[in-house]
Amino acid sequence: MGGFSIWHWLIVLVIVLLVFGTKRLTSGARDLGKAVHEFKKGMRGDDEDKPAARIGEDKPASPDRDDPAR
């Protein structure tokens, strides 16, 4: 009554395949792999699509421009 044998795991695997189907399981595994890849990429800091500038870090306006607030 202790642990599960290999036969228990095979039966569980067959039931999962029958319930979900191979197409749904493979697409789910692919999505999980992409998510892990993106997470690792983010942890390394390899963002290829970085924004050009952050909000608040804009260049100050040049003094020779017409400023309506003056």
C-alpha atoms as a PDB file:
ATOM      1  CA  MET A   1       0.000   0.000   0.000  1.00  0.00           C
ATOM      2  CA  GLY A   2       3.054   2.264   0.000  1.00  0.00           C
ATOM      3  CA  GLY A   3       4.164   3.868  -3.232  1.00  0.00           C
ATOM      4  CA  PHE A   4       3.029   3.656  -6.813  1.00  0.00           C
ATOM      5  CA  SER A   5       4.506   1.089  -9.154  1.00  0.00           C
ATOM      6  CA  ILE A   6       5.311   1.621 -12.833  1.00  0.00           C
ATOM      7  CA  TRP A   7       1.964   0.051 -13.756  1.00  0.00           C
ATOM      8  CA  HIS A   8       0.052   2.666 -11.787  1.00  0.00           C
ATOM      9  CA  TRP A   9       1.890   5.457 -13.621  1.00  0.00           C
ATOM     10  CA  LEU A  10       1.260   3.820 -17.012  1.00  0.00           C
ATOM     11  CA  ILE A  11      -2.454   3.584 -16.280  1.00  0.00           C
ATOM     12  CA  VAL A  12      -2.534   7.243 -15.201  1.00  0.00           C
ATOM     13  CA  LEU A  13      -0.679   8.211 -18.393  1.00  0.00           C
ATOM     14  CA  VAL A  14      -3.158   6.319 -20.588  1.00  0.00           C
ATOM     15  CA  ILE A  15      -6.114   7.954 -18.833  1.00  0.00           C
ATOM     16  CA  VAL A  16      -4.588  11.429 -19.227  1.00  0.00           C
ATOM     17  CA  LEU A  17      -3.965  10.768 -22.933  1.00  0.00           C
ATOM     18  CA  LEU A  18      -7.548   9.607 -23.400  1.00  0.00           C
ATOM     19  CA  VAL A  19      -9.012  12.607 -21.576  1.00  0.00           C
ATOM     20  CA  PHE A  20      -6.882  15.388 -23.041  1.00  0.00           C
ATOM     21  CA  GLY A  21      -5.628  13.942 -26.315  1.00  0.00           C
ATOM     22  CA  THR A  22      -2.123  14.166 -27.720  1.00  0.00           C
ATOM     23  CA  LYS A  23      -2.691  17.406 -29.631  1.00  0.00           C
ATOM     24  CA  ARG A  24      -3.712  19.367 -26.539  1.00  0.00           C
ATOM     25  CA  LEU A  25      -0.879  17.886 -24.463  1.00  0.00           C
ATOM     26  CA  THR A  26       1.789  18.691 -27.057  1.00  0.00           C
ATOM     27  CA  SER A  27       0.540  22.259 -27.510  1.00  0.00           C
ATOM     28  CA  GLY A  28       0.482  22.710 -23.736  1.00  0.00           C
ATOM     29  CA  ALA A  29       4.018  21.380 -23.420  1.00  0.00           C
ATOM     30  CA  ARG A  30       5.158  23.685 -26.242  1.00  0.00           C
ATOM     31  CA  ASP A  31       3.567  26.701 -24.530  1.00  0.00           C
ATOM     32  CA  LEU A  32       5.204  25.746 -21.242  1.00  0.00           C
ATOM     33  CA  GLY A  33       8.588  25.447 -22.956  1.00  0.00           C
ATOM     34  CA  LYS A  34       8.197  28.895 -24.548  1.00  0.00           C
ATOM     35  CA  ALA A  35       7.263  30.381 -21.188  1.00  0.00           C
ATOM     36  CA  VAL A  36      10.337  28.871 -19.516  1.00  0.00           C
ATOM     37  CA  HIS A  37      12.523  30.114 -22.378  1.00  0.00           C
ATOM     38  CA  GLU A  38      11.134  33.652 -22.080  1.00  0.00           C
ATOM     39  CA  PHE A  39      11.596  33.568 -18.306  1.00  0.00           C
ATOM     40  CA  LYS A  40      15.244  32.524 -18.622  1.00  0.00           C
ATOM     41  CA  LYS A  41      15.780  35.151 -21.316  1.00  0.00           C
ATOM     42  CA  GLY A  42      14.337  37.794 -19.021  1.00  0.00           C
ATOM     43  CA  MET A  43      16.518  36.683 -16.124  1.00  0.00           C
ATOM     44  CA  ARG A  44      19.646  36.973 -18.283  1.00  0.00           C
ATOM     45  CA  GLY A  45      18.585  40.401 -19.521  1.00  0.00           C
ATOM     46  CA  ASP A  46      18.686  39.505 -23.221  1.00  0.00           C
ATOM     47  CA  ASP A  47      15.699  41.659 -24.117  1.00  0.00           C
ATOM     48  CA  GLU A  48      15.893  42.329 -27.832  1.00  0.00           C
ATOM     49  CA  ASP A  49      12.814  44.519 -27.879  1.00  0.00           C
ATOM     50  CA  LYS A  50      13.816  47.065 -25.243  1.00  0.00           C
ATOM     51  CA  PRO A  51      11.948  50.363 -25.398  1.00  0.00           C
ATOM     52  CA  ALA A  52      13.906  53.290 -26.835  1.00  0.00           C
ATOM     53  CA  ALA A  53      13.562  55.401 -23.693  1.00  0.00           C
ATOM     54  CA  ARG A  54      11.780  55.076 -20.403  1.00  0.00           C
ATOM     55  CA  ILE A  55       9.060  57.443 -19.330  1.00  0.00           C
ATOM     56  CA  GLY A  56      10.548  60.314 -17.373  1.00  0.00           C
ATOM     57  CA  GLU A  57      13.964  59.940 -18.966  1.00  0.00           C
ATOM     58  CA  ASP A  58      13.113  62.141 -21.941  1.00  0.00           C
ATOM     59  CA  LYS A  59      15.628  64.669 -23.154  1.00  0.00           C
ATOM     60  CA  PRO A  60      14.978  68.133 -21.744  1.00  0.00           C
ATOM     61  CA  ALA A  61      13.502  70.619 -24.166  1.00  0.00           C
ATOM     62  CA  SER A  62      16.002  72.948 -25.773  1.00  0.00           C
ATOM     63  CA  PRO A  63      15.794  76.544 -24.492  1.00  0.00           C
ATOM     64  CA  ASP A  64      15.425  78.065 -27.972  1.00  0.00           C
ATOM     65  CA  ARG A  65      12.070  76.334 -28.633  1.00  0.00           C
ATOM     66  CA  ASP A  66       8.916  78.349 -28.231  1.00  0.00           C
ATOM     67  CA  ASP A  67       7.466  77.400 -24.882  1.00  0.00           C
ATOM     68  CA  PRO A  68       3.843  78.545 -24.363  1.00  0.00           C
ATOM     69  CA  ALA A  69       4.254  78.177 -20.580  1.00  0.00           C
ATOM     70  CA  ARG A  70       6.699  81.115 -20.403  1.00  0.00           C
END
